[in-house]
N, C-alpha and C. Protein backbone atom coordinates (compact mmCIF):
# COMPACT_ATOMS: atom_id res chain seq x y z
N ASP A 1 36.41 104.23 75.45
CA ASP A 1 36.86 102.92 75.87
C ASP A 1 38.06 102.11 75.51
N ASP A 2 38.14 101.75 74.34
CA ASP A 2 39.09 100.88 73.38
C ASP A 2 40.36 102.27 73.42
N GLU A 3 39.80 103.84 73.22
CA GLU A 3 41.19 104.57 73.31
C GLU A 3 41.85 104.52 74.77
N PHE A 4 41.62 104.52 76.12
CA PHE A 4 41.94 104.94 76.96
C PHE A 4 42.55 103.20 77.48
N VAL A 5 42.00 101.84 76.78
CA VAL A 5 42.85 100.97 76.88
C VAL A 5 43.96 101.02 76.09
N HIS A 6 43.87 101.37 74.62
CA HIS A 6 44.93 101.93 74.19
C HIS A 6 46.11 102.30 74.96
N SER A 7 45.61 103.75 74.99
CA SER A 7 46.24 104.56 75.27
C SER A 7 47.21 104.12 77.01
N THR A 8 46.46 103.30 77.41
CA THR A 8 47.03 102.95 78.92
C THR A 8 48.28 101.95 78.86
N SER A 9 47.76 100.85 77.39
CA SER A 9 48.97 100.15 77.03
C SER A 9 50.22 100.72 76.32
N GLY A 10 50.13 101.95 75.97
CA GLY A 10 51.34 102.49 75.40
C GLY A 10 52.28 103.25 76.32
N ASN A 11 51.08 103.39 77.61
CA ASN A 11 52.45 104.08 78.89
C ASN A 11 52.80 102.76 79.66
N LYS A 12 51.86 101.31 79.54
CA LYS A 12 52.71 100.47 80.19
C LYS A 12 53.89 100.13 79.37
N ASP A 13 53.86 100.06 77.88
CA ASP A 13 55.38 99.96 77.40
C ASP A 13 56.29 100.64 77.58
N ARG A 14 55.86 102.12 77.53
CA ARG A 14 56.81 103.17 77.82
C ARG A 14 57.52 102.68 79.27
N ASP A 15 56.40 102.81 80.41
CA ASP A 15 56.81 102.18 81.59
C ASP A 15 58.04 100.86 81.91
N ASP A 16 57.73 99.71 81.02
CA ASP A 16 58.40 98.80 80.71
C ASP A 16 59.87 98.53 79.92
N GLU A 17 59.61 99.64 78.93
CA GLU A 17 61.23 100.10 78.72
C GLU A 17 62.25 100.84 79.84
N GLY A 18 61.02 102.32 80.40
CA GLY A 18 61.80 102.79 81.29
C GLY A 18 62.42 102.02 82.19
N VAL A 19 61.55 100.75 82.52
CA VAL A 19 62.16 99.74 83.83
C VAL A 19 63.78 98.90 82.87
N VAL A 20 63.14 98.43 81.81
CA VAL A 20 64.69 97.95 81.10
C VAL A 20 65.52 98.60 81.30
N ALA A 21 65.48 99.90 80.83
CA ALA A 21 66.67 101.20 80.61
C ALA A 21 66.84 101.32 82.07
N GLU A 22 66.46 101.68 82.98
CA GLU A 22 67.10 101.53 84.56
C GLU A 22 67.66 100.10 84.87
N SER A 23 66.99 99.34 84.50
CA SER A 23 67.54 97.73 84.89
C SER A 23 69.10 97.93 84.50
N SER A 24 69.38 98.00 83.15
CA SER A 24 70.44 97.83 82.45
C SER A 24 71.55 99.13 82.92
N ARG A 25 71.17 100.06 83.34
CA ARG A 25 72.01 101.59 83.62
C ARG A 25 72.46 100.83 84.78
N LEU A 26 71.47 100.63 85.98
CA LEU A 26 72.00 99.67 87.53
C LEU A 26 73.08 98.42 86.88
N SER A 27 72.39 98.20 85.83
CA SER A 27 72.92 96.57 85.84
C SER A 27 74.91 97.10 85.31
N ALA A 28 74.88 98.13 84.43
CA ALA A 28 76.15 98.70 83.73
C ALA A 28 76.86 99.01 84.85
N SER A 29 76.00 99.80 85.90
CA SER A 29 76.75 100.77 87.04
C SER A 29 77.23 99.60 87.49
N GLU A 30 76.55 98.87 88.36
CA GLU A 30 77.37 98.46 89.21
C GLU A 30 78.49 97.03 88.50
N ASN A 31 78.65 96.55 87.54
CA ASN A 31 79.38 96.41 86.43
C ASN A 31 80.86 97.13 86.88
N ALA A 32 80.34 98.36 86.17
CA ALA A 32 81.55 99.41 86.50
C ALA A 32 82.50 99.02 87.81
N ARG A 33 81.14 99.61 88.53
CA ARG A 33 82.11 99.22 90.63
C ARG A 33 82.75 98.31 90.73
N GLN A 34 82.28 96.97 90.08
CA GLN A 34 83.07 95.82 90.84
C GLN A 34 84.74 95.50 89.93
N GLN A 35 84.19 95.91 88.53
CA GLN A 35 85.65 95.99 87.82
C GLN A 35 86.54 97.34 88.76
N GLU A 36 85.89 98.43 88.74
CA GLU A 36 86.54 99.13 89.66
C GLU A 36 87.78 98.84 90.99
N LYS A 37 86.38 98.09 92.08
CA LYS A 37 87.22 97.67 93.03
C LYS A 37 87.89 96.34 92.76
N LYS A 38 87.90 95.54 91.77
CA LYS A 38 88.47 94.41 91.08
C LYS A 38 90.50 95.34 90.48
N ASN A 39 90.10 95.82 89.99
CA ASN A 39 91.63 96.86 89.75
C ASN A 39 91.98 97.52 90.83
N ARG A 40 91.06 97.95 91.57
CA ARG A 40 92.04 98.50 93.50
C ARG A 40 92.68 97.57 94.05
N ILE A 41 92.08 96.31 93.66
CA ILE A 41 92.67 95.24 94.84
C ILE A 41 93.60 94.61 93.96
N GLN A 42 93.64 94.97 92.50
CA GLN A 42 94.68 94.21 92.13
C GLN A 42 96.03 95.29 91.81
N GLN A 43 95.77 96.71 91.91
CA GLN A 43 96.51 97.30 92.23
C GLN A 43 97.57 97.13 93.48
N GLU A 44 96.53 97.50 94.59
CA GLU A 44 97.23 97.38 95.93
C GLU A 44 97.77 96.08 96.39
N ASN A 45 97.62 94.93 95.83
CA ASN A 45 98.68 93.33 95.65
C ASN A 45 99.77 93.57 94.78
N HIS A 46 99.89 94.31 93.63
CA HIS A 46 100.81 95.18 92.65
C HIS A 46 102.04 95.68 94.18
N ARG A 47 101.17 96.74 94.33
CA ARG A 47 102.37 97.57 95.42
C ARG A 47 102.75 96.70 96.73
N LEU A 48 102.00 95.93 97.25
CA LEU A 48 102.65 94.99 98.34
C LEU A 48 103.47 94.55 97.65
N PHE A 49 103.23 93.43 96.88
CA PHE A 49 104.14 92.55 96.59
C PHE A 49 105.59 93.24 95.72
N ALA A 50 105.24 94.87 95.22
CA ALA A 50 106.86 95.52 94.79
C ALA A 50 107.38 95.80 96.19
N ALA A 51 106.62 96.47 97.29
CA ALA A 51 107.40 96.97 98.38
C ALA A 51 107.48 95.87 99.47
N GLN A 52 107.40 93.90 98.84
CA GLN A 52 108.34 92.93 99.86
C GLN A 52 109.21 92.59 99.04
N LYS A 53 109.79 92.75 97.54
CA LYS A 53 110.16 92.66 96.98
C LYS A 53 111.49 93.82 97.23
N LEU A 54 111.02 95.22 97.51
CA LEU A 54 112.13 95.98 97.70
C LEU A 54 112.89 95.60 99.06
N GLN A 55 111.96 95.16 100.11
CA GLN A 55 112.49 94.87 101.71
C GLN A 55 113.50 93.70 101.39
N GLU A 56 113.04 92.96 100.72
CA GLU A 56 113.81 91.68 100.43
C GLU A 56 115.64 91.88 99.59
N LYS A 57 115.23 92.74 98.81
CA LYS A 57 116.24 93.68 98.29
C LYS A 57 117.32 94.58 99.60
N LYS A 58 116.91 94.97 99.62
CA LYS A 58 117.64 95.68 100.98
C LYS A 58 118.35 95.14 101.92
N ASN A 59 116.87 94.34 102.71
CA ASN A 59 117.55 93.43 103.55
C ASN A 59 119.07 92.37 102.66
N VAL A 60 118.81 91.66 101.76
CA VAL A 60 119.85 91.62 101.14
C VAL A 60 121.36 92.34 100.85
N ARG A 61 121.18 93.34 100.95
CA ARG A 61 121.99 94.47 100.40
C ARG A 61 122.94 94.69 102.00
N LYS A 62 122.07 94.81 102.87
CA LYS A 62 122.59 94.81 104.36
C LYS A 62 123.18 93.83 104.59
N TYR A 63 122.78 92.77 104.38
CA TYR A 63 123.66 91.67 104.60
C TYR A 63 125.12 91.74 103.93
N ALA A 64 124.90 91.67 102.73
CA ALA A 64 126.62 92.03 101.97
C ALA A 64 126.89 92.91 102.35
N GLU A 65 126.65 93.91 102.86
CA GLU A 65 127.62 94.61 102.87
C GLU A 65 128.24 94.36 104.05
N GLU A 66 127.34 93.80 105.36
CA GLU A 66 128.04 93.07 106.34
C GLU A 66 129.00 92.53 106.22
N TYR A 67 128.66 91.55 105.61
CA TYR A 67 129.33 90.72 105.11
C TYR A 67 130.73 90.91 104.83
N ILE A 68 130.40 91.49 103.73
CA ILE A 68 131.78 92.31 102.89
C ILE A 68 132.49 92.85 104.06
N SER A 69 132.02 93.80 104.65
CA SER A 69 133.10 94.74 105.73
C SER A 69 133.59 93.31 106.32
N LEU A 70 132.98 92.51 107.08
CA LEU A 70 133.80 91.45 107.69
C LEU A 70 135.08 90.91 106.87
N LEU A 71 134.64 90.77 106.10
CA LEU A 71 135.78 89.61 104.99
C LEU A 71 136.63 90.57 104.87
N SER A 72 136.21 91.90 104.62
CA SER A 72 137.59 92.93 103.61
C SER A 72 138.35 92.82 105.26
N SER A 73 138.22 93.43 106.47
CA SER A 73 138.66 93.24 108.07
C SER A 73 139.92 92.23 107.74
N SER A 74 138.94 90.95 107.35
CA SER A 74 139.75 89.40 107.83
C SER A 74 140.92 89.55 106.78
N VAL A 75 140.37 89.79 105.77
CA VAL A 75 141.34 89.73 104.73
C VAL A 75 143.04 90.46 104.56
N PHE A 76 142.50 91.95 104.68
CA PHE A 76 143.45 92.59 105.14
C PHE A 76 144.13 92.27 106.33
N LYS A 77 143.96 91.70 107.41
CA LYS A 77 144.56 91.42 108.64
C LYS A 77 145.13 90.23 108.52
N SER A 78 144.76 89.16 107.35
CA SER A 78 145.61 88.00 107.20
C SER A 78 146.56 88.39 106.22
N LEU A 79 146.24 89.26 105.59
CA LEU A 79 147.42 89.68 104.39
C LEU A 79 148.43 90.16 105.05
N HIS A 80 148.19 91.04 106.12
CA HIS A 80 149.62 92.06 106.90
C HIS A 80 149.69 90.98 107.94
N GLU A 81 149.28 90.15 108.15
CA GLU A 81 150.10 88.88 109.00
C GLU A 81 150.92 87.86 108.16
N ARG A 82 150.70 87.88 107.26
CA ARG A 82 151.42 86.90 106.18
C ARG A 82 152.77 87.75 105.34
N GLY A 83 152.94 89.05 105.79
CA GLY A 83 153.67 89.77 105.43
C GLY A 83 153.58 90.37 104.14
N LYS A 84 152.34 90.03 103.49
CA LYS A 84 152.01 90.05 102.05
C LYS A 84 151.40 92.03 101.57
N LEU A 85 151.08 92.82 102.82
CA LEU A 85 150.44 93.82 102.54
C LEU A 85 151.25 94.52 103.64
N LYS A 86 151.58 95.83 103.22
CA LYS A 86 152.89 96.48 104.65
C LYS A 86 151.56 97.54 105.33
N GLU A 87 150.04 97.71 104.81
CA GLU A 87 149.41 98.51 105.36
C GLU A 87 148.71 97.56 105.71
N THR A 88 147.93 98.21 107.00
CA THR A 88 146.86 97.89 107.93
C THR A 88 145.24 98.50 107.09
N ALA A 89 144.18 98.04 107.36
CA ALA A 89 143.17 98.40 107.05
C ALA A 89 143.24 99.45 107.15
N ALA A 90 143.51 100.13 108.55
CA ALA A 90 143.10 101.79 108.46
C ALA A 90 144.15 102.44 108.05
N ASP A 91 145.03 102.40 107.61
CA ASP A 91 146.09 102.48 106.57
C ASP A 91 145.41 102.76 105.45
N VAL A 92 145.18 101.88 105.10
CA VAL A 92 144.11 102.06 103.49
C VAL A 92 142.73 103.04 103.87
N ASP A 93 142.01 102.65 104.60
CA ASP A 93 140.84 103.66 105.01
C ASP A 93 141.42 104.74 104.95
N HIS A 94 142.40 105.36 105.49
CA HIS A 94 142.98 106.52 105.80
C HIS A 94 143.35 107.04 104.17
N GLN A 95 144.34 106.45 103.38
CA GLN A 95 144.52 106.65 102.22
C GLN A 95 143.38 107.52 101.41
N ILE A 96 142.34 106.33 101.66
CA ILE A 96 140.88 106.44 100.94
C ILE A 96 140.60 107.67 101.20
N SER A 97 139.91 107.76 102.26
CA SER A 97 139.42 109.49 103.11
C SER A 97 140.00 110.25 103.09
N ASP A 98 141.67 110.16 102.63
CA ASP A 98 142.44 111.49 103.16
C ASP A 98 142.85 111.98 101.70
N GLU A 99 143.46 111.09 100.58
CA GLU A 99 143.84 110.96 99.21
C GLU A 99 142.79 110.53 98.13
N PHE A 100 142.08 109.56 97.92
CA PHE A 100 140.96 109.13 97.01
C PHE A 100 139.93 109.75 96.76
N LEU A 101 139.00 110.00 97.89
CA LEU A 101 138.03 111.03 98.23
C LEU A 101 138.36 111.92 97.21
N PRO A 102 139.19 113.04 98.22
CA PRO A 102 139.25 114.58 98.02
C PRO A 102 139.83 114.54 96.12
N TRP A 103 140.37 113.75 95.69
CA TRP A 103 140.54 113.94 94.28
C TRP A 103 139.60 113.70 93.23
N ILE A 104 138.88 112.05 93.85
CA ILE A 104 137.72 112.15 93.09
C ILE A 104 136.50 113.02 92.80
N TYR A 105 136.70 113.58 93.99
CA TYR A 105 135.43 114.63 94.00
C TYR A 105 136.13 116.00 93.61
N GLY A 106 136.98 116.07 93.31
CA GLY A 106 138.12 116.87 92.39
C GLY A 106 137.83 116.83 91.20
N GLU A 107 137.82 115.45 90.98
CA GLU A 107 137.67 115.37 89.29
C GLU A 107 136.28 115.02 89.09
N LEU A 108 135.53 115.13 89.61
CA LEU A 108 133.73 115.09 88.94
C LEU A 108 133.24 116.67 89.28
N ASP A 109 134.07 117.46 90.13
CA ASP A 109 133.61 118.97 90.01
C ASP A 109 134.16 119.16 88.71
N CYS A 110 135.44 119.12 88.46
CA CYS A 110 135.70 119.36 87.13
C CYS A 110 134.96 119.36 85.37
N GLU A 111 134.42 117.51 86.50
CA GLU A 111 133.65 117.22 85.13
C GLU A 111 132.20 118.15 85.03
N LEU A 112 131.77 118.44 86.25
CA LEU A 112 130.38 118.89 86.20
C LEU A 112 131.04 120.43 85.68
N ILE A 113 131.93 121.17 86.06
CA ILE A 113 131.28 122.20 85.88
C ILE A 113 132.17 122.25 83.85
N TYR A 114 132.93 121.24 83.23
CA TYR A 114 132.66 121.58 81.91
C TYR A 114 131.83 121.21 80.94
N LYS A 115 130.71 120.23 81.95
CA LYS A 115 129.23 119.63 81.29
C LYS A 115 128.91 121.16 81.47
N ARG A 116 128.65 121.97 82.35
CA ARG A 116 127.98 122.89 82.14
C ARG A 116 127.80 123.56 80.89
């Protein structure tokens, strides 16, 4: 009889150890899952923040380009009307597209060929 009680007591201790081990394993698993969830949320928040900042930069750039475009046209017109500039904005645009850009592209081609 004592042997049976002692052997069932040993089984109970092992069962308790198994329950504690399983509980610890589940707790560690849950902690890892919670940490992964927290990390994913943090990554998503960072991504959203970066996307918002990028959109703000795009908006500022677009505004600046439009403002400069209007300003440059106004400056060209004012300088031309005052006789300070003999060429119009259209003349300058023509010179840039027909003379400067072909020249700079040719220089870049030469530079790229030289680098190869």
